[in-house]
Amino acid sequence: MWFRIDNRLVHGQVIESWLPYTGARHLVVANDELAADSLRQQIISLAVPQRIQIHFVTLAALPKTLTDCGEQCLVLFATCQDARRAADNGISMSILNMGNLHYGPEKQQLLPHVALSAQDREDLRCLCSKLVQLDFRCVPDDKPRGINVQLF
């Protein structure tokens, strides 16, 4: 099971790189907003290979979905807050891939693909306290980067 934060959710890097790398048979998008938007779900589903089952679920429904799907899942979160909520609700993550968090107001650019707000840092500190290992990379072939001192 692989967990990733990427504010773009389903896109080319996920489909072409992360799905093959993880061997996932299920792509689980844990996002309350998208779980309520059937039109966006239909559009996104068109890009996902037919051999992959895609699930759009609320954060509250994530534990049951993961139980039903088994271990061969790639789980996508849009924000650090969503990943923290999942962990607070009992989802066990040994590794959390930090794929992409766009720059915005009151965010500090940590890496070319990751900009963090004060809230993001707090959420990631909380996840680290739960022994979640942070893995900063866009695609599997990138050199993995661990926790950066700028986080704290």
Protein backbone atom coordinates (compact mmCIF):
# COMPACT_ATOMS: atom_id res chain seq x y z
CA MET A 1 0.00 0.00 0.00
CA TRP A 2 1.37 3.40 -0.99
CA PHE A 3 0.20 6.84 0.15
CA ARG A 4 0.87 10.09 -1.74
CA ILE A 5 0.05 13.76 -1.27
CA ASP A 6 -0.38 15.56 -4.57
CA ASN A 7 -2.73 18.51 -4.95
CA ARG A 8 -3.26 17.52 -8.60
CA LEU A 9 -4.56 14.09 -7.48
CA VAL A 10 -4.84 11.92 -10.64
CA HIS A 11 -2.49 13.00 -13.45
CA GLY A 12 0.21 11.66 -15.77
CA GLN A 13 2.92 11.03 -13.16
CA VAL A 14 0.51 8.97 -11.08
CA ILE A 15 -0.79 6.97 -14.02
CA GLU A 16 2.47 6.45 -15.92
CA SER A 17 4.95 6.17 -13.03
CA TRP A 18 3.42 5.51 -9.63
CA LEU A 19 0.81 2.90 -10.60
CA PRO A 20 3.42 0.65 -12.29
CA TYR A 21 5.99 1.29 -9.52
CA THR A 22 3.57 0.35 -6.74
CA GLY A 23 1.89 -2.52 -8.60
CA ALA A 24 -1.42 -1.14 -7.35
CA ARG A 25 -4.65 -2.62 -8.64
CA HIS A 26 -6.72 0.03 -6.86
CA LEU A 27 -6.34 3.79 -7.11
CA VAL A 28 -8.06 5.37 -4.12
CA VAL A 29 -8.66 9.11 -4.23
CA ALA A 30 -9.45 10.21 -0.67
CA ASN A 31 -10.94 13.66 -1.10
CA ASP A 32 -14.27 14.86 0.28
CA GLU A 33 -14.84 17.40 -2.51
CA LEU A 34 -14.12 15.00 -5.36
CA ALA A 35 -16.12 12.21 -3.73
CA ALA A 36 -19.20 14.43 -4.14
CA ASP A 37 -18.54 15.42 -7.78
CA SER A 38 -19.63 12.64 -10.13
CA LEU A 39 -18.89 14.63 -13.29
CA ARG A 40 -15.23 15.18 -12.33
CA GLN A 41 -15.00 11.52 -11.32
CA GLN A 42 -16.19 10.43 -14.77
CA ILE A 43 -13.69 12.70 -16.50
CA ILE A 44 -10.78 11.55 -14.33
CA SER A 45 -11.74 7.90 -14.74
CA LEU A 46 -11.23 8.17 -18.51
CA ALA A 47 -7.48 8.61 -17.96
CA VAL A 48 -7.06 5.57 -15.70
CA PRO A 49 -6.19 2.21 -17.32
CA GLN A 50 -9.10 -0.25 -17.26
CA ARG A 51 -7.07 -2.80 -15.31
CA ILE A 52 -7.01 -0.35 -12.37
CA GLN A 53 -10.10 0.06 -10.20
CA ILE A 54 -10.54 3.68 -9.18
CA HIS A 55 -12.36 4.67 -6.01
CA PHE A 56 -13.38 8.22 -5.09
CA VAL A 57 -14.06 8.25 -1.36
CA THR A 58 -14.49 10.65 1.51
CA LEU A 59 -11.89 10.60 4.23
CA ALA A 60 -14.49 9.04 6.53
CA ALA A 61 -15.01 6.16 4.09
CA LEU A 62 -11.27 5.53 3.54
CA PRO A 63 -10.77 2.86 6.25
CA LYS A 64 -13.57 0.66 4.89
CA THR A 65 -12.41 1.14 1.30
CA LEU A 66 -8.87 0.06 2.17
CA THR A 67 -10.16 -2.97 4.04
CA ASP A 68 -12.30 -3.94 1.04
CA CYS A 69 -9.51 -3.37 -1.52
CA GLY A 70 -6.64 -5.05 0.30
CA GLU A 71 -2.97 -4.19 0.10
CA GLN A 72 -2.58 -3.36 -3.60
CA CYS A 73 -3.67 0.29 -3.29
CA LEU A 74 -2.25 3.64 -4.22
CA VAL A 75 -3.98 6.25 -2.04
CA LEU A 76 -3.96 9.90 -3.08
CA PHE A 77 -4.53 12.88 -0.80
CA ALA A 78 -4.75 16.48 -2.02
CA THR A 79 -3.40 18.05 1.17
CA CYS A 80 -1.29 17.42 4.25
CA GLN A 81 -4.41 18.06 6.32
CA ASP A 82 -6.22 15.19 4.60
CA ALA A 83 -3.30 12.82 5.21
CA ARG A 84 -3.26 13.82 8.87
CA ARG A 85 -7.03 13.33 9.17
CA ALA A 86 -6.65 9.84 7.71
CA ALA A 87 -3.90 8.98 10.20
CA ASP A 88 -5.95 10.42 13.06
CA ASN A 89 -8.79 8.12 11.93
CA GLY A 90 -6.62 5.02 12.24
CA ILE A 91 -5.04 4.70 8.79
CA SER A 92 -1.53 3.32 9.26
CA MET A 93 1.03 4.75 6.86
CA SER A 94 4.64 3.66 7.06
CA ILE A 95 5.69 5.91 4.15
CA LEU A 96 3.99 9.03 2.82
CA ASN A 97 5.18 10.26 -0.57
CA MET A 98 5.22 14.04 -0.89
CA GLY A 99 4.57 14.43 -4.58
CA ASN A 100 3.41 17.95 -5.30
CA LEU A 101 2.15 20.86 -3.24
CA HIS A 102 1.87 24.08 -5.22
CA TYR A 103 3.29 27.36 -4.00
CA GLY A 104 0.76 29.84 -2.65
CA PRO A 105 0.36 32.74 -0.25
CA GLU A 106 2.09 32.20 3.09
CA LYS A 107 3.81 29.05 1.84
CA GLN A 108 7.54 28.47 1.85
CA GLN A 109 9.11 26.67 -1.10
CA LEU A 110 10.85 23.65 0.39
CA LEU A 111 11.70 21.83 -2.84
CA PRO A 112 10.87 22.62 -6.48
CA HIS A 113 7.72 20.52 -6.16
CA VAL A 114 6.77 21.18 -2.51
CA ALA A 115 5.72 24.43 -0.85
CA LEU A 116 4.49 24.24 2.74
CA SER A 117 2.37 26.48 4.92
CA ALA A 118 2.67 26.62 8.70
CA GLN A 119 -0.36 24.29 8.88
CA ASP A 120 1.28 21.85 6.45
CA ARG A 121 4.38 21.76 8.65
CA GLU A 122 2.29 21.10 11.74
CA ASP A 123 0.41 18.30 9.97
CA LEU A 124 3.65 16.70 8.80
CA ARG A 125 5.19 16.97 12.28
CA CYS A 126 2.12 15.19 13.63
CA LEU A 127 2.47 12.45 11.00
CA CYS A 128 6.17 12.06 11.81
CA SER A 129 5.26 11.66 15.49
CA LYS A 130 3.13 8.68 14.36
CA LEU A 131 6.30 7.22 12.80
CA VAL A 132 5.30 8.05 9.24
CA GLN A 133 8.39 8.32 7.04
CA LEU A 134 8.18 11.23 4.58
CA ASP A 135 9.43 10.55 1.05
CA PHE A 136 9.86 13.70 -1.05
CA ARG A 137 9.92 12.84 -4.77
CA CYS A 138 7.83 13.47 -7.86
CA VAL A 139 8.41 10.16 -9.61
CA PRO A 140 9.84 6.83 -8.46
CA ASP A 141 13.11 7.37 -10.37
CA ASP A 142 13.90 10.54 -8.41
CA LYS A 143 16.38 10.22 -5.57
CA PRO A 144 14.33 9.87 -2.38
CA ARG A 145 14.65 12.76 0.04
CA GLY A 146 13.73 12.38 3.66
CA ILE A 147 12.80 14.94 6.27
CA ASN A 148 14.32 18.33 5.69
CA VAL A 149 15.29 20.48 8.68
CA GLN A 150 13.25 23.32 7.14
CA LEU A 151 10.14 21.35 8.07
CA PHE A 152 10.74 22.04 11.69
